[in-house]
C-alpha atoms as a PDB file:
ATOM      1  CA  MET A   1     -15.326 178.462 -59.995  1.00  0.00           C
ATOM      2  CA  ARG A   2     -15.621 182.229 -60.280  1.00  0.00           C
ATOM      3  CA  ASN A   3     -18.815 184.136 -61.001  1.00  0.00           C
ATOM      4  CA  ARG A   4     -17.511 184.994 -64.475  1.00  0.00           C
ATOM      5  CA  GLU A   5     -16.940 181.312 -65.249  1.00  0.00           C
ATOM      6  CA  PHE A   6     -20.367 180.432 -63.886  1.00  0.00           C
ATOM      7  CA  TRP A   7     -22.151 182.894 -66.161  1.00  0.00           C
ATOM      8  CA  GLN A   8     -20.054 181.819 -69.136  1.00  0.00           C
ATOM      9  CA  LEU A   9     -21.166 178.227 -68.557  1.00  0.00           C
ATOM     10  CA  VAL A  10     -24.802 179.308 -68.218  1.00  0.00           C
ATOM     11  CA  ASP A  11     -24.540 180.988 -71.627  1.00  0.00           C
ATOM     12  CA  GLU A  12     -22.726 178.052 -73.252  1.00  0.00           C
ATOM     13  CA  VAL A  13     -24.855 175.227 -71.873  1.00  0.00           C
ATOM     14  CA  PHE A  14     -28.304 176.852 -71.950  1.00  0.00           C
ATOM     15  CA  GLY A  15     -27.828 179.669 -74.443  1.00  0.00           C
ATOM     16  CA  PRO A  16     -27.606 183.340 -73.488  1.00  0.00           C
ATOM     17  CA  ALA A  17     -31.328 184.148 -73.547  1.00  0.00           C
ATOM     18  CA  TYR A  18     -32.697 180.928 -72.062  1.00  0.00           C
ATOM     19  CA  GLY A  19     -29.878 180.631 -69.512  1.00  0.00           C
ATOM     20  CA  ARG A  20     -30.452 184.127 -68.162  1.00  0.00           C
ATOM     21  CA  THR A  21     -34.206 183.484 -68.015  1.00  0.00           C
ATOM     22  CA  LEU A  22     -33.597 180.278 -66.044  1.00  0.00           C
ATOM     23  CA  ALA A  23     -31.290 182.119 -63.684  1.00  0.00           C
ATOM     24  CA  ALA A  24     -33.869 184.803 -63.016  1.00  0.00           C
ATOM     25  CA  ASP A  25     -37.043 182.700 -62.841  1.00  0.00           C
ATOM     26  CA  GLN A  26     -36.346 179.050 -61.953  1.00  0.00           C
ATOM     27  CA  VAL A  27     -36.742 178.463 -58.202  1.00  0.00           C
ATOM     28  CA  LEU A  28     -34.628 175.520 -57.044  1.00  0.00           C
ATOM     29  CA  SER A  29     -35.297 173.579 -53.855  1.00  0.00           C
ATOM     30  CA  ALA A  30     -31.610 172.621 -53.685  1.00  0.00           C
ATOM     31  CA  LEU A  31     -30.863 176.324 -53.265  1.00  0.00           C
ATOM     32  CA  GLY A  32     -33.324 176.834 -50.437  1.00  0.00           C
ATOM     33  CA  GLU A  33     -36.233 177.796 -52.691  1.00  0.00           C
ATOM     34  CA  ARG A  34     -34.201 180.557 -54.323  1.00  0.00           C
ATOM     35  CA  THR A  35     -33.484 181.379 -57.923  1.00  0.00           C
ATOM     36  CA  VAL A  36     -29.973 181.081 -59.296  1.00  0.00           C
ATOM     37  CA  GLU A  37     -29.592 184.868 -59.214  1.00  0.00           C
ATOM     38  CA  GLN A  38     -30.780 185.051 -55.599  1.00  0.00           C
ATOM     39  CA  ALA A  39     -28.413 182.284 -54.520  1.00  0.00           C
ATOM     40  CA  ILE A  40     -25.432 183.965 -56.214  1.00  0.00           C
ATOM     41  CA  GLU A  41     -26.371 187.318 -54.663  1.00  0.00           C
ATOM     42  CA  ASP A  42     -26.684 185.622 -51.246  1.00  0.00           C
ATOM     43  CA  GLY A  43     -23.110 184.346 -51.528  1.00  0.00           C
ATOM     44  CA  VAL A  44     -23.704 180.690 -52.365  1.00  0.00           C
ATOM     45  CA  GLU A  45     -20.648 179.285 -54.126  1.00  0.00           C
ATOM     46  CA  PRO A  46     -21.095 179.393 -57.915  1.00  0.00           C
ATOM     47  CA  ARG A  47     -20.011 175.736 -58.106  1.00  0.00           C
ATOM     48  CA  VAL A  48     -22.858 174.712 -55.786  1.00  0.00           C
ATOM     49  CA  VAL A  49     -25.346 176.807 -57.753  1.00  0.00           C
ATOM     50  CA  TRP A  50     -24.099 175.359 -61.032  1.00  0.00           C
ATOM     51  CA  HIS A  51     -24.540 171.769 -59.880  1.00  0.00           C
ATOM     52  CA  ALA A  52     -28.011 172.554 -58.498  1.00  0.00           C
ATOM     53  CA  LEU A  53     -29.081 174.139 -61.790  1.00  0.00           C
ATOM     54  CA  CYS A  54     -27.671 171.300 -63.891  1.00  0.00           C
ATOM     55  CA  ASP A  55     -29.275 168.677 -61.646  1.00  0.00           C
ATOM     56  CA  ALA A  56     -32.656 170.420 -61.834  1.00  0.00           C
ATOM     57  CA  MET A  57     -32.457 170.681 -65.619  1.00  0.00           C
ATOM     58  CA  ASP A  58     -31.129 167.105 -66.080  1.00  0.00           C
ATOM     59  CA  VAL A  59     -27.965 168.267 -67.828  1.00  0.00           C
ATOM     60  CA  PRO A  60     -25.723 165.237 -68.377  1.00  0.00           C
ATOM     61  CA  ASP A  61     -22.193 165.390 -66.969  1.00  0.00           C
ATOM     62  CA  ALA A  62     -20.715 165.421 -70.470  1.00  0.00           C
ATOM     63  CA  ARG A  63     -22.480 168.731 -71.267  1.00  0.00           C
ATOM     64  CA  ARG A  64     -21.980 170.503 -67.945  1.00  0.00           C
ATOM     65  CA  TRP A  65     -18.627 172.032 -68.780  1.00  0.00           C
ATOM     66  CA  GLY A  66     -19.564 173.917 -71.934  1.00  0.00           C
ATOM     67  CA  THR A  67     -17.751 173.958 -75.222  1.00  0.00           C
ATOM     68  CA  ASP A  68     -14.168 174.332 -73.988  1.00  0.00           C
ATOM     69  CA  VAL A  69     -12.738 170.808 -73.953  1.00  0.00           C
ATOM     70  CA  ASN A  70      -9.738 172.052 -71.953  1.00  0.00           C
ATOM     71  CA  ARG A  71     -11.825 173.665 -69.198  1.00  0.00           C
ATOM     72  CA  GLN A  72     -11.198 172.138 -65.823  1.00  0.00           C
ATOM     73  CA  ALA A  73     -14.443 170.823 -64.382  1.00  0.00           C
ATOM     74  CA  PRO A  74     -15.531 172.264 -61.050  1.00  0.00           C
ATOM     75  CA  PRO A  75     -15.028 169.898 -58.143  1.00  0.00           C
ATOM     76  CA  PRO A  76     -17.798 167.364 -57.578  1.00  0.00           C
ATOM     77  CA  ARG A  77     -20.827 168.245 -55.542  1.00  0.00           C
END
């Protein structure tokens, strides 16, 4: 997963405003007590960050891949 794809999924799954707020403010223990933005900036793979965010927000697997039914899902955690 590329950074561009990650941010597209954030916008699709959480909505542009709420998703960006989550990314900036939500501290996740799975990311070493960092926010999504901090983890991405620190070089954590977007796929790992995505799974950590979805797990923390209880996003079901069926909704994790956004609105594009043809999008290939990132590899499992």
